[in-house]
Amino acid sequence: MEAIQELSACSVSVKWSIHVSAPPWLPALPSPPGRPALPAPPWPLALPAPPWLPSLPAPPWLPALPVLLHGRGGTFKVLNRTAMSASLVRKNTVRFELLEGLEMDRLNFSRKILQTVLGFQPLQLDYIFALPGRKVFEVVFTTFCAYELCVERFNSKKMVTPCLQKIQLTPLSERDVRTVTVLIYSERIKVEDTATWLSMHCTVLNTSLMRDEDGIKTGASKFQVRLKKDAEGNYHHLPSLIQLGPIRGYVFYNGQPKECRKFGSLDHIAANCELEICRHCKSKEHGSKDCQLPKKCNLCGAESHRFRDCPHAYSNKRNQQNH
């Protein structure tokens, strides 16, 4: 039995015809005596197809099968991996480009460059994408601190490490925009005053008060800020301690360097600090009580008044507007 199938672009129809071949013994039978020989039937003999065969529907995916397998145009299509656009802001991601004929596979790049030279552990690496050509790798770190540390280590080691001099690093995540949490255990300090204090060190983009599940204020405020850069292009980090008048608060954000809360040293933390420093002039020669210099406003830095009399304080602004 032989089936003939017709395929069209929009629909598929199936036509059936049955061909029966002559048995091998039929031509050998003699004709009966007294009767003329009967002509042999036209072999193969075509029999009509059953009425139910032409009504078989075509599968819905069959017309699109050539496009799925071969692509439009009838040729096979090879799927290529391409790099995500650098203009898209990604989270904790850097791109490494190998220069001057340097090539390596993904595993060698991870072990030789990321783990050995830059000193990262596998648990700090979330993804390593090896793009075609053995020249470009995109690395996603598990935390922002690891991402920030990668950029700093690469820039500091590049001048003294020959293999890093043949690699170009491009950060794909924003480094200057941070979410800052300020915690102050006093109702006297308004969130507007905290934003004014932050604006002396960075650019404040937006502000929000943090509340618990019952809608009660917790004393913490969240700010989205943009860090400032110095002349060398390094980011100016925020102080970890805020003081407005006699009231202190604490500043936290991802990528914040660990420093002494007394005078900002990166060599130790306040718990291990044995130095006495003046909170007003930052001098190490005397304490705050013995400072002879005029005290400055904690909010705006002016010497003519204190925080409680500062015209930039939120409570004083409201009093001026009411009068």
C-alpha atoms as a PDB file:
ATOM      1  CA  MET A   1       0.000   0.000   0.000  1.00  0.00           C
ATOM      2  CA  GLU A   2       1.407   3.413  -0.904  1.00  0.00           C
ATOM      3  CA  ALA A   3       0.261   6.780   0.446  1.00  0.00           C
ATOM      4  CA  ILE A   4       0.646  10.066  -1.478  1.00  0.00           C
ATOM      5  CA  GLN A   5       0.910  13.187   0.741  1.00  0.00           C
ATOM      6  CA  GLU A   6       0.560  16.788  -0.429  1.00  0.00           C
ATOM      7  CA  LEU A   7       1.964  19.690   1.734  1.00  0.00           C
ATOM      8  CA  SER A   8       0.979  23.317   1.227  1.00  0.00           C
ATOM      9  CA  ALA A   9       2.064  26.511   3.032  1.00  0.00           C
ATOM     10  CA  CYS A  10      -1.251  27.128   4.791  1.00  0.00           C
ATOM     11  CA  SER A  11      -2.909  23.739   5.110  1.00  0.00           C
ATOM     12  CA  VAL A  12      -2.115  20.081   4.672  1.00  0.00           C
ATOM     13  CA  SER A  13      -4.375  17.635   2.835  1.00  0.00           C
ATOM     14  CA  VAL A  14      -3.832  13.905   2.663  1.00  0.00           C
ATOM     15  CA  LYS A  15      -4.961  11.895  -0.400  1.00  0.00           C
ATOM     16  CA  TRP A  16      -4.905   8.169  -0.355  1.00  0.00           C
ATOM     17  CA  SER A  17      -4.943   5.625  -3.208  1.00  0.00           C
ATOM     18  CA  ILE A  18      -4.582   1.836  -2.914  1.00  0.00           C
ATOM     19  CA  HIS A  19      -2.569  -0.073  -5.536  1.00  0.00           C
ATOM     20  CA  VAL A  20      -2.942  -3.850  -5.647  1.00  0.00           C
ATOM     21  CA  SER A  21      -0.251  -5.791  -7.527  1.00  0.00           C
ATOM     22  CA  ALA A  22      -1.118  -8.986  -9.521  1.00  0.00           C
ATOM     23  CA  PRO A  23      -0.393 -12.249  -7.728  1.00  0.00           C
ATOM     24  CA  PRO A  24       2.523 -14.133  -9.316  1.00  0.00           C
ATOM     25  CA  TRP A  25       0.370 -17.201 -10.197  1.00  0.00           C
ATOM     26  CA  LEU A  26      -2.444 -15.356 -12.047  1.00  0.00           C
ATOM     27  CA  PRO A  27      -0.792 -14.981 -15.508  1.00  0.00           C
ATOM     28  CA  ALA A  28       0.041 -18.702 -15.486  1.00  0.00           C
ATOM     29  CA  LEU A  29      -3.623 -19.917 -15.351  1.00  0.00           C
ATOM     30  CA  PRO A  30      -4.808 -21.389 -18.717  1.00  0.00           C
ATOM     31  CA  SER A  31      -8.060 -20.237 -20.369  1.00  0.00           C
ATOM     32  CA  PRO A  32     -11.034 -22.640 -20.212  1.00  0.00           C
ATOM     33  CA  PRO A  33     -11.489 -24.784 -23.396  1.00  0.00           C
ATOM     34  CA  GLY A  34     -13.894 -23.355 -25.984  1.00  0.00           C
ATOM     35  CA  ARG A  35     -13.659 -19.832 -24.639  1.00  0.00           C
ATOM     36  CA  PRO A  36     -11.444 -17.021 -25.821  1.00  0.00           C
ATOM     37  CA  ALA A  37      -8.649 -15.915 -23.636  1.00  0.00           C
ATOM     38  CA  LEU A  38      -9.630 -13.092 -21.333  1.00  0.00           C
ATOM     39  CA  PRO A  39      -7.461 -10.011 -21.429  1.00  0.00           C
ATOM     40  CA  ALA A  40      -5.319  -9.531 -18.377  1.00  0.00           C
ATOM     41  CA  PRO A  41      -6.553  -6.795 -16.044  1.00  0.00           C
ATOM     42  CA  PRO A  42      -4.561  -3.543 -15.985  1.00  0.00           C
ATOM     43  CA  TRP A  43      -2.123  -4.033 -13.145  1.00  0.00           C
ATOM     44  CA  PRO A  44      -1.664  -2.447 -10.704  1.00  0.00           C
ATOM     45  CA  LEU A  45      -5.395  -2.211 -10.116  1.00  0.00           C
ATOM     46  CA  ALA A  46      -6.482   1.092  -8.489  1.00  0.00           C
ATOM     47  CA  LEU A  47      -9.209   0.708  -5.892  1.00  0.00           C
ATOM     48  CA  PRO A  48     -11.112   3.682  -4.445  1.00  0.00           C
ATOM     49  CA  ALA A  49      -9.992   4.888  -1.030  1.00  0.00           C
ATOM     50  CA  PRO A  50     -12.346   4.438   1.929  1.00  0.00           C
ATOM     51  CA  PRO A  51     -14.536   7.509   2.570  1.00  0.00           C
ATOM     52  CA  TRP A  52     -12.985   8.205   5.984  1.00  0.00           C
ATOM     53  CA  LEU A  53      -9.365   8.518   4.843  1.00  0.00           C
ATOM     54  CA  PRO A  54      -9.485  11.957   3.098  1.00  0.00           C
ATOM     55  CA  SER A  55     -11.087  13.592   6.145  1.00  0.00           C
ATOM     56  CA  LEU A  56      -8.039  13.246   8.393  1.00  0.00           C
ATOM     57  CA  PRO A  57      -7.126  16.801   9.632  1.00  0.00           C
ATOM     58  CA  ALA A  58      -3.543  18.039   9.499  1.00  0.00           C
ATOM     59  CA  PRO A  59      -1.797  18.813  12.830  1.00  0.00           C
ATOM     60  CA  PRO A  60      -1.839  22.568  13.639  1.00  0.00           C
ATOM     61  CA  TRP A  61       1.966  22.702  13.973  1.00  0.00           C
ATOM     62  CA  LEU A  62       2.745  21.030  10.655  1.00  0.00           C
ATOM     63  CA  PRO A  63       2.598  24.147   8.396  1.00  0.00           C
ATOM     64  CA  ALA A  64       5.066  25.973  10.680  1.00  0.00           C
ATOM     65  CA  LEU A  65       7.442  23.007  10.894  1.00  0.00           C
ATOM     66  CA  PRO A  66       9.750  24.058   8.011  1.00  0.00           C
ATOM     67  CA  VAL A  67      10.138  27.551   9.565  1.00  0.00           C
ATOM     68  CA  LEU A  68      10.909  26.117  12.988  1.00  0.00           C
ATOM     69  CA  LEU A  69      13.528  23.732  11.653  1.00  0.00           C
ATOM     70  CA  HIS A  70      15.130  25.746   8.873  1.00  0.00           C
ATOM     71  CA  GLY A  71      14.199  29.365   9.582  1.00  0.00           C
ATOM     72  CA  ARG A  72      12.649  31.654   7.017  1.00  0.00           C
ATOM     73  CA  GLY A  73      14.245  31.191   3.673  1.00  0.00           C
ATOM     74  CA  GLY A  74      14.739  27.433   3.956  1.00  0.00           C
ATOM     75  CA  THR A  75      18.260  27.454   5.415  1.00  0.00           C
ATOM     76  CA  PHE A  76      19.426  26.288   8.806  1.00  0.00           C
ATOM     77  CA  LYS A  77      19.889  29.106  11.348  1.00  0.00           C
ATOM     78  CA  VAL A  78      22.669  28.985  13.959  1.00  0.00           C
ATOM     79  CA  LEU A  79      21.828  30.532  17.344  1.00  0.00           C
ATOM     80  CA  ASN A  80      24.559  32.917  18.507  1.00  0.00           C
ATOM     81  CA  ARG A  81      25.090  34.211  22.061  1.00  0.00           C
ATOM     82  CA  THR A  82      25.450  37.962  22.191  1.00  0.00           C
ATOM     83  CA  ALA A  83      26.419  40.340  24.989  1.00  0.00           C
ATOM     84  CA  MET A  84      23.724  42.341  26.728  1.00  0.00           C
ATOM     85  CA  SER A  85      23.879  46.029  25.918  1.00  0.00           C
ATOM     86  CA  ALA A  86      26.115  48.015  28.254  1.00  0.00           C
ATOM     87  CA  SER A  87      23.479  50.755  28.369  1.00  0.00           C
ATOM     88  CA  LEU A  88      21.198  48.403  30.348  1.00  0.00           C
ATOM     89  CA  VAL A  89      21.860  48.828  34.043  1.00  0.00           C
ATOM     90  CA  ARG A  90      22.479  45.431  35.638  1.00  0.00           C
ATOM     91  CA  LYS A  91      23.017  44.386  39.225  1.00  0.00           C
ATOM     92  CA  ASN A  92      26.548  43.735  40.528  1.00  0.00           C
ATOM     93  CA  THR A  93      27.894  43.010  37.046  1.00  0.00           C
ATOM     94  CA  VAL A  94      31.222  43.750  35.366  1.00  0.00           C
ATOM     95  CA  ARG A  95      32.500  42.941  31.867  1.00  0.00           C
ATOM     96  CA  PHE A  96      36.041  41.743  31.159  1.00  0.00           C
ATOM     97  CA  GLU A  97      37.441  42.095  27.631  1.00  0.00           C
ATOM     98  CA  LEU A  98      40.698  40.319  26.770  1.00  0.00           C
ATOM     99  CA  LEU A  99      43.062  42.388  24.615  1.00  0.00           C
ATOM    100  CA  GLU A 100      46.246  41.887  22.559  1.00  0.00           C
ATOM    101  CA  GLY A 101      45.575  38.343  21.422  1.00  0.00           C
ATOM    102  CA  LEU A 102      44.865  37.045  24.932  1.00  0.00           C
ATOM    103  CA  GLU A 103      42.340  34.194  24.927  1.00  0.00           C
ATOM    104  CA  MET A 104      41.145  31.701  27.526  1.00  0.00           C
ATOM    105  CA  ASP A 105      38.137  29.553  28.216  1.00  0.00           C
ATOM    106  CA  ARG A 106      35.602  30.186  30.948  1.00  0.00           C
ATOM    107  CA  LEU A 107      37.082  27.830  33.560  1.00  0.00           C
ATOM    108  CA  ASN A 108      40.635  29.171  33.167  1.00  0.00           C
ATOM    109  CA  PHE A 109      39.376  32.755  33.374  1.00  0.00           C
ATOM    110  CA  SER A 110      37.492  31.972  36.581  1.00  0.00           C
ATOM    111  CA  ARG A 111      40.384  30.184  38.266  1.00  0.00           C
ATOM    112  CA  LYS A 112      43.342  32.241  37.033  1.00  0.00           C
ATOM    113  CA  ILE A 113      41.914  35.775  36.955  1.00  0.00           C
ATOM    114  CA  LEU A 114      38.937  35.929  39.313  1.00  0.00           C
ATOM    115  CA  GLN A 115      40.044  33.488  42.004  1.00  0.00           C
ATOM    116  CA  THR A 116      43.859  33.637  41.893  1.00  0.00           C
ATOM    117  CA  VAL A 117      44.697  37.190  40.806  1.00  0.00           C
ATOM    118  CA  LEU A 118      41.687  39.072  42.196  1.00  0.00           C
ATOM    119  CA  GLY A 119      41.230  36.769  45.183  1.00  0.00           C
ATOM    120  CA  PHE A 120      37.504  35.929  45.018  1.00  0.00           C
ATOM    121  CA  GLN A 121      35.911  32.766  46.338  1.00  0.00           C
ATOM    122  CA  PRO A 122      33.453  30.777  44.176  1.00  0.00           C
ATOM    123  CA  LEU A 123      30.655  31.601  46.646  1.00  0.00           C
ATOM    124  CA  GLN A 124      31.109  35.288  45.814  1.00  0.00           C
ATOM    125  CA  LEU A 125      30.507  34.650  42.090  1.00  0.00           C
ATOM    126  CA  ASP A 126      26.870  34.273  41.064  1.00  0.00           C
ATOM    127  CA  TYR A 127      27.233  33.994  37.254  1.00  0.00           C
ATOM    128  CA  ILE A 128      30.102  33.902  34.753  1.00  0.00           C
ATOM    129  CA  PHE A 129      28.925  34.339  31.158  1.00  0.00           C
ATOM    130  CA  ALA A 130      31.444  33.327  28.487  1.00  0.00           C
ATOM    131  CA  LEU A 131      30.518  35.121  25.269  1.00  0.00           C
ATOM    132  CA  PRO A 132      31.585  33.718  21.877  1.00  0.00           C
ATOM    133  CA  GLY A 133      35.181  34.158  20.847  1.00  0.00           C
ATOM    134  CA  ARG A 134      36.948  33.464  24.188  1.00  0.00           C
ATOM    135  CA  LYS A 135      37.510  37.211  24.545  1.00  0.00           C
ATOM    136  CA  VAL A 136      34.602  38.604  26.614  1.00  0.00           C
ATOM    137  CA  PHE A 137      33.333  37.491  30.032  1.00  0.00           C
ATOM    138  CA  GLU A 138      30.545  39.001  32.109  1.00  0.00           C
ATOM    139  CA  VAL A 139      30.637  38.320  35.843  1.00  0.00           C
ATOM    140  CA  VAL A 140      27.716  38.801  38.244  1.00  0.00           C
ATOM    141  CA  PHE A 141      28.681  38.953  41.924  1.00  0.00           C
ATOM    142  CA  THR A 142      26.452  37.792  44.754  1.00  0.00           C
ATOM    143  CA  THR A 143      26.686  41.080  46.682  1.00  0.00           C
ATOM    144  CA  PHE A 144      27.283  44.730  45.943  1.00  0.00           C
ATOM    145  CA  CYS A 145      30.300  44.715  48.267  1.00  0.00           C
ATOM    146  CA  ALA A 146      31.979  41.988  46.196  1.00  0.00           C
ATOM    147  CA  TYR A 147      31.180  43.898  43.005  1.00  0.00           C
ATOM    148  CA  GLU A 148      32.646  47.110  44.411  1.00  0.00           C
ATOM    149  CA  LEU A 149      35.688  45.217  45.691  1.00  0.00           C
ATOM    150  CA  CYS A 150      36.293  43.728  42.236  1.00  0.00           C
ATOM    151  CA  VAL A 151      36.465  47.157  40.621  1.00  0.00           C
ATOM    152  CA  GLU A 152      38.779  48.497  43.340  1.00  0.00           C
ATOM    153  CA  ARG A 153      41.086  45.466  43.287  1.00  0.00           C
ATOM    154  CA  PHE A 154      41.328  45.443  39.518  1.00  0.00           C
ATOM    155  CA  ASN A 155      42.230  49.142  39.348  1.00  0.00           C
ATOM    156  CA  SER A 156      44.803  48.838  42.137  1.00  0.00           C
ATOM    157  CA  LYS A 157      46.484  45.676  40.781  1.00  0.00           C
ATOM    158  CA  LYS A 158      46.381  46.485  37.081  1.00  0.00           C
ATOM    159  CA  MET A 159      49.595  48.564  37.069  1.00  0.00           C
ATOM    160  CA  VAL A 160      51.644  45.863  38.832  1.00  0.00           C
ATOM    161  CA  THR A 161      50.073  42.702  37.363  1.00  0.00           C
ATOM    162  CA  PRO A 162      51.059  41.976  33.716  1.00  0.00           C
ATOM    163  CA  CYS A 163      48.074  39.733  32.943  1.00  0.00           C
ATOM    164  CA  LEU A 164      45.596  42.424  34.059  1.00  0.00           C
ATOM    165  CA  GLN A 165      47.219  44.959  31.740  1.00  0.00           C
ATOM    166  CA  LYS A 166      45.839  42.938  28.818  1.00  0.00           C
ATOM    167  CA  ILE A 167      42.288  43.016  30.217  1.00  0.00           C
ATOM    168  CA  GLN A 168      39.778  45.858  30.100  1.00  0.00           C
ATOM    169  CA  LEU A 169      37.137  46.061  32.835  1.00  0.00           C
ATOM    170  CA  THR A 170      33.788  47.828  32.348  1.00  0.00           C
ATOM    171  CA  PRO A 171      31.329  48.145  35.272  1.00  0.00           C
ATOM    172  CA  LEU A 172      27.774  47.461  34.069  1.00  0.00           C
ATOM    173  CA  SER A 173      26.075  48.499  37.329  1.00  0.00           C
ATOM    174  CA  GLU A 174      25.629  51.950  38.777  1.00  0.00           C
ATOM    175  CA  ARG A 175      28.251  52.645  41.422  1.00  0.00           C
ATOM    176  CA  ASP A 176      27.318  56.175  42.384  1.00  0.00           C
ATOM    177  CA  VAL A 177      23.613  55.641  43.184  1.00  0.00           C
ATOM    178  CA  ARG A 178      23.123  54.101  46.641  1.00  0.00           C
ATOM    179  CA  THR A 179      20.232  53.419  48.979  1.00  0.00           C
ATOM    180  CA  VAL A 180      21.181  54.888  52.360  1.00  0.00           C
ATOM    181  CA  THR A 181      19.531  54.078  55.686  1.00  0.00           C
ATOM    182  CA  VAL A 182      19.863  56.610  58.512  1.00  0.00           C
ATOM    183  CA  LEU A 183      18.879  55.497  62.007  1.00  0.00           C
ATOM    184  CA  ILE A 184      18.236  58.180  64.655  1.00  0.00           C
ATOM    185  CA  TYR A 185      16.689  57.373  68.044  1.00  0.00           C
ATOM    186  CA  SER A 186      14.986  60.716  68.565  1.00  0.00           C
ATOM    187  CA  GLU A 187      11.705  62.241  67.449  1.00  0.00           C
ATOM    188  CA  ARG A 188      13.253  65.724  67.496  1.00  0.00           C
ATOM    189  CA  ILE A 189      15.195  65.140  64.266  1.00  0.00           C
ATOM    190  CA  LYS A 190      12.933  65.331  61.240  1.00  0.00           C
ATOM    191  CA  VAL A 191      13.609  63.483  58.012  1.00  0.00           C
ATOM    192  CA  GLU A 192      13.930  66.863  56.248  1.00  0.00           C
ATOM    193  CA  ASP A 193      16.873  67.759  58.535  1.00  0.00           C
ATOM    194  CA  THR A 194      18.543  64.429  57.764  1.00  0.00           C
ATOM    195  CA  ALA A 195      18.125  65.078  54.033  1.00  0.00           C
ATOM    196  CA  THR A 196      19.675  68.540  54.465  1.00  0.00           C
ATOM    197  CA  TRP A 197      22.666  67.007  56.262  1.00  0.00           C
ATOM    198  CA  LEU A 198      23.091  64.373  53.545  1.00  0.00           C
ATOM    199  CA  SER A 199      22.979  67.045  50.817  1.00  0.00           C
ATOM    200  CA  MET A 200      26.291  68.415  52.128  1.00  0.00           C
ATOM    201  CA  HIS A 201      27.973  65.091  51.262  1.00  0.00           C
ATOM    202  CA  CYS A 202      25.979  63.795  48.277  1.00  0.00           C
ATOM    203  CA  THR A 203      22.999  64.481  46.029  1.00  0.00           C
ATOM    204  CA  VAL A 204      19.701  63.339  47.564  1.00  0.00           C
ATOM    205  CA  LEU A 205      17.336  61.874  44.959  1.00  0.00           C
ATOM    206  CA  ASN A 206      14.361  60.787  47.094  1.00  0.00           C
ATOM    207  CA  THR A 207      13.364  60.252  50.704  1.00  0.00           C
ATOM    208  CA  SER A 208      11.066  57.871  52.578  1.00  0.00           C
ATOM    209  CA  LEU A 209      10.225  57.161  56.221  1.00  0.00           C
ATOM    210  CA  MET A 210      10.375  53.553  57.389  1.00  0.00           C
ATOM    211  CA  ARG A 211       7.443  52.170  59.345  1.00  0.00           C
ATOM    212  CA  ASP A 212       6.631  48.783  60.829  1.00  0.00           C
ATOM    213  CA  GLU A 213       3.722  46.524  59.875  1.00  0.00           C
ATOM    214  CA  ASP A 214       1.333  48.605  61.986  1.00  0.00           C
ATOM    215  CA  GLY A 215       2.372  51.854  60.327  1.00  0.00           C
ATOM    216  CA  ILE A 216       4.397  53.130  63.303  1.00  0.00           C
ATOM    217  CA  LYS A 217       7.636  54.996  62.662  1.00  0.00           C
ATOM    218  CA  THR A 218      10.822  53.134  63.583  1.00  0.00           C
ATOM    219  CA  GLY A 219      13.302  56.029  63.664  1.00  0.00           C
ATOM    220  CA  ALA A 220      14.908  54.902  60.394  1.00  0.00           C
ATOM    221  CA  SER A 221      14.723  56.765  57.091  1.00  0.00           C
ATOM    222  CA  LYS A 222      15.691  55.641  53.604  1.00  0.00           C
ATOM    223  CA  PHE A 223      17.329  57.884  51.031  1.00  0.00           C
ATOM    224  CA  GLN A 224      18.355  57.274  47.465  1.00  0.00           C
ATOM    225  CA  VAL A 225      21.481  59.342  46.895  1.00  0.00           C
ATOM    226  CA  ARG A 226      24.165  59.886  44.285  1.00  0.00           C
ATOM    227  CA  LEU A 227      27.719  59.900  45.611  1.00  0.00           C
ATOM    228  CA  LYS A 228      30.138  62.640  44.637  1.00  0.00           C
ATOM    229  CA  LYS A 229      33.537  62.079  43.027  1.00  0.00           C
ATOM    230  CA  ASP A 230      36.861  63.640  43.869  1.00  0.00           C
ATOM    231  CA  ALA A 231      39.400  64.979  41.359  1.00  0.00           C
ATOM    232  CA  GLU A 232      40.847  61.488  40.793  1.00  0.00           C
ATOM    233  CA  GLY A 233      37.439  59.949  40.049  1.00  0.00           C
ATOM    234  CA  ASN A 234      37.120  58.124  43.380  1.00  0.00           C
ATOM    235  CA  TYR A 235      33.768  58.201  45.163  1.00  0.00           C
ATOM    236  CA  HIS A 236      33.399  60.320  48.276  1.00  0.00           C
ATOM    237  CA  HIS A 237      31.785  58.010  50.815  1.00  0.00           C
ATOM    238  CA  LEU A 238      29.389  59.255  53.453  1.00  0.00           C
ATOM    239  CA  PRO A 239      30.311  59.548  57.129  1.00  0.00           C
ATOM    240  CA  SER A 240      29.061  56.617  59.162  1.00  0.00           C
ATOM    241  CA  LEU A 241      27.986  58.908  62.002  1.00  0.00           C
ATOM    242  CA  ILE A 242      25.531  61.823  61.838  1.00  0.00           C
ATOM    243  CA  GLN A 243      25.225  64.365  64.650  1.00  0.00           C
ATOM    244  CA  LEU A 244      22.657  67.155  64.718  1.00  0.00           C
ATOM    245  CA  GLY A 245      23.016  69.153  67.902  1.00  0.00           C
ATOM    246  CA  PRO A 246      23.385  66.732  70.819  1.00  0.00           C
ATOM    247  CA  ILE A 247      21.637  63.893  68.935  1.00  0.00           C
ATOM    248  CA  ARG A 248      23.570  61.217  67.052  1.00  0.00           C
ATOM    249  CA  GLY A 249      22.534  58.847  64.309  1.00  0.00           C
ATOM    250  CA  TYR A 250      24.056  56.101  62.184  1.00  0.00           C
ATOM    251  CA  VAL A 251      24.412  55.796  58.422  1.00  0.00           C
ATOM    252  CA  PHE A 252      24.364  52.462  56.549  1.00  0.00           C
ATOM    253  CA  TYR A 253      24.534  51.526  52.859  1.00  0.00           C
ATOM    254  CA  ASN A 254      25.956  48.799  50.598  1.00  0.00           C
ATOM    255  CA  GLY A 255      29.601  49.285  49.762  1.00  0.00           C
ATOM    256  CA  GLN A 256      30.202  51.467  52.798  1.00  0.00           C
ATOM    257  CA  PRO A 257      33.842  51.197  53.925  1.00  0.00           C
ATOM    258  CA  LYS A 258      34.407  50.149  57.515  1.00  0.00           C
ATOM    259  CA  GLU A 259      35.785  53.130  59.372  1.00  0.00           C
ATOM    260  CA  CYS A 260      36.268  54.427  62.893  1.00  0.00           C
ATOM    261  CA  ARG A 261      33.142  56.355  63.862  1.00  0.00           C
ATOM    262  CA  LYS A 262      35.243  58.729  65.964  1.00  0.00           C
ATOM    263  CA  PHE A 263      37.364  60.313  63.233  1.00  0.00           C
ATOM    264  CA  GLY A 264      36.835  58.297  60.059  1.00  0.00           C
ATOM    265  CA  SER A 265      40.026  56.209  59.939  1.00  0.00           C
ATOM    266  CA  LEU A 266      39.919  53.082  57.745  1.00  0.00           C
ATOM    267  CA  ASP A 267      42.641  51.341  59.763  1.00  0.00           C
ATOM    268  CA  HIS A 268      40.400  50.344  62.672  1.00  0.00           C
ATOM    269  CA  ILE A 269      36.884  50.631  64.077  1.00  0.00           C
ATOM    270  CA  ALA A 270      35.658  52.728  67.001  1.00  0.00           C
ATOM    271  CA  ALA A 271      35.606  49.763  69.398  1.00  0.00           C
ATOM    272  CA  ASN A 272      39.389  49.418  69.002  1.00  0.00           C
ATOM    273  CA  CYS A 273      40.143  53.143  68.873  1.00  0.00           C
ATOM    274  CA  GLU A 274      42.456  54.393  71.636  1.00  0.00           C
ATOM    275  CA  LEU A 275      42.679  57.980  70.411  1.00  0.00           C
ATOM    276  CA  GLU A 276      40.787  60.939  71.786  1.00  0.00           C
ATOM    277  CA  ILE A 277      39.540  63.274  69.099  1.00  0.00           C
ATOM    278  CA  CYS A 278      37.629  66.530  69.130  1.00  0.00           C
ATOM    279  CA  ARG A 279      34.206  66.141  67.512  1.00  0.00           C
ATOM    280  CA  HIS A 280      34.154  69.822  66.575  1.00  0.00           C
ATOM    281  CA  CYS A 281      37.493  70.388  64.802  1.00  0.00           C
ATOM    282  CA  LYS A 282      38.641  66.731  64.419  1.00  0.00           C
ATOM    283  CA  SER A 283      41.879  67.484  66.229  1.00  0.00           C
ATOM    284  CA  LYS A 284      43.718  64.643  67.963  1.00  0.00           C
ATOM    285  CA  GLU A 285      45.498  67.005  70.378  1.00  0.00           C
ATOM    286  CA  HIS A 286      42.508  67.702  72.623  1.00  0.00           C
ATOM    287  CA  GLY A 287      39.001  66.518  73.404  1.00  0.00           C
ATOM    288  CA  SER A 288      35.705  68.117  72.507  1.00  0.00           C
ATOM    289  CA  LYS A 289      35.354  69.814  75.899  1.00  0.00           C
ATOM    290  CA  ASP A 290      38.720  71.589  75.563  1.00  0.00           C
ATOM    291  CA  CYS A 291      38.214  72.881  72.021  1.00  0.00           C
ATOM    292  CA  GLN A 292      38.861  76.639  71.788  1.00  0.00           C
ATOM    293  CA  LEU A 293      37.525  77.083  68.253  1.00  0.00           C
ATOM    294  CA  PRO A 294      33.990  78.383  67.704  1.00  0.00           C
ATOM    295  CA  LYS A 295      31.515  75.574  67.371  1.00  0.00           C
ATOM    296  CA  LYS A 296      29.880  75.076  64.001  1.00  0.00           C
ATOM    297  CA  CYS A 297      26.336  74.218  63.107  1.00  0.00           C
ATOM    298  CA  ASN A 298      26.036  70.470  62.503  1.00  0.00           C
ATOM    299  CA  LEU A 299      23.491  71.014  59.763  1.00  0.00           C
ATOM    300  CA  CYS A 300      24.946  73.737  57.515  1.00  0.00           C
ATOM    301  CA  GLY A 301      28.474  74.207  58.888  1.00  0.00           C
ATOM    302  CA  ALA A 302      28.108  77.915  59.729  1.00  0.00           C
ATOM    303  CA  GLU A 303      29.903  79.353  62.774  1.00  0.00           C
ATOM    304  CA  SER A 304      27.307  82.053  63.458  1.00  0.00           C
ATOM    305  CA  HIS A 305      24.720  79.772  65.034  1.00  0.00           C
ATOM    306  CA  ARG A 306      24.071  76.277  66.375  1.00  0.00           C
ATOM    307  CA  PHE A 307      21.743  73.589  65.041  1.00  0.00           C
ATOM    308  CA  ARG A 308      18.773  74.697  67.143  1.00  0.00           C
ATOM    309  CA  ASP A 309      18.962  78.187  65.575  1.00  0.00           C
ATOM    310  CA  CYS A 310      19.834  77.074  62.035  1.00  0.00           C
ATOM    311  CA  PRO A 311      17.560  78.719  59.438  1.00  0.00           C
ATOM    312  CA  HIS A 312      17.826  75.513  57.368  1.00  0.00           C
ATOM    313  CA  ALA A 313      16.368  73.343  60.133  1.00  0.00           C
ATOM    314  CA  TYR A 314      12.901  72.062  59.326  1.00  0.00           C
ATOM    315  CA  SER A 315      11.292  73.305  62.559  1.00  0.00           C
ATOM    316  CA  ASN A 316      12.695  76.829  62.071  1.00  0.00           C
ATOM    317  CA  LYS A 317      11.493  76.917  58.457  1.00  0.00           C
ATOM    318  CA  ARG A 318       7.979  76.008  59.565  1.00  0.00           C
ATOM    319  CA  ASN A 319       7.993  78.722  62.243  1.00  0.00           C
ATOM    320  CA  GLN A 320       9.068  81.320  59.685  1.00  0.00           C
ATOM    321  CA  GLN A 321       6.321  80.250  57.292  1.00  0.00           C
ATOM    322  CA  ASN A 322       3.672  80.419  60.018  1.00  0.00           C
ATOM    323  CA  HIS A 323       4.704  83.950  60.948  1.00  0.00           C
END
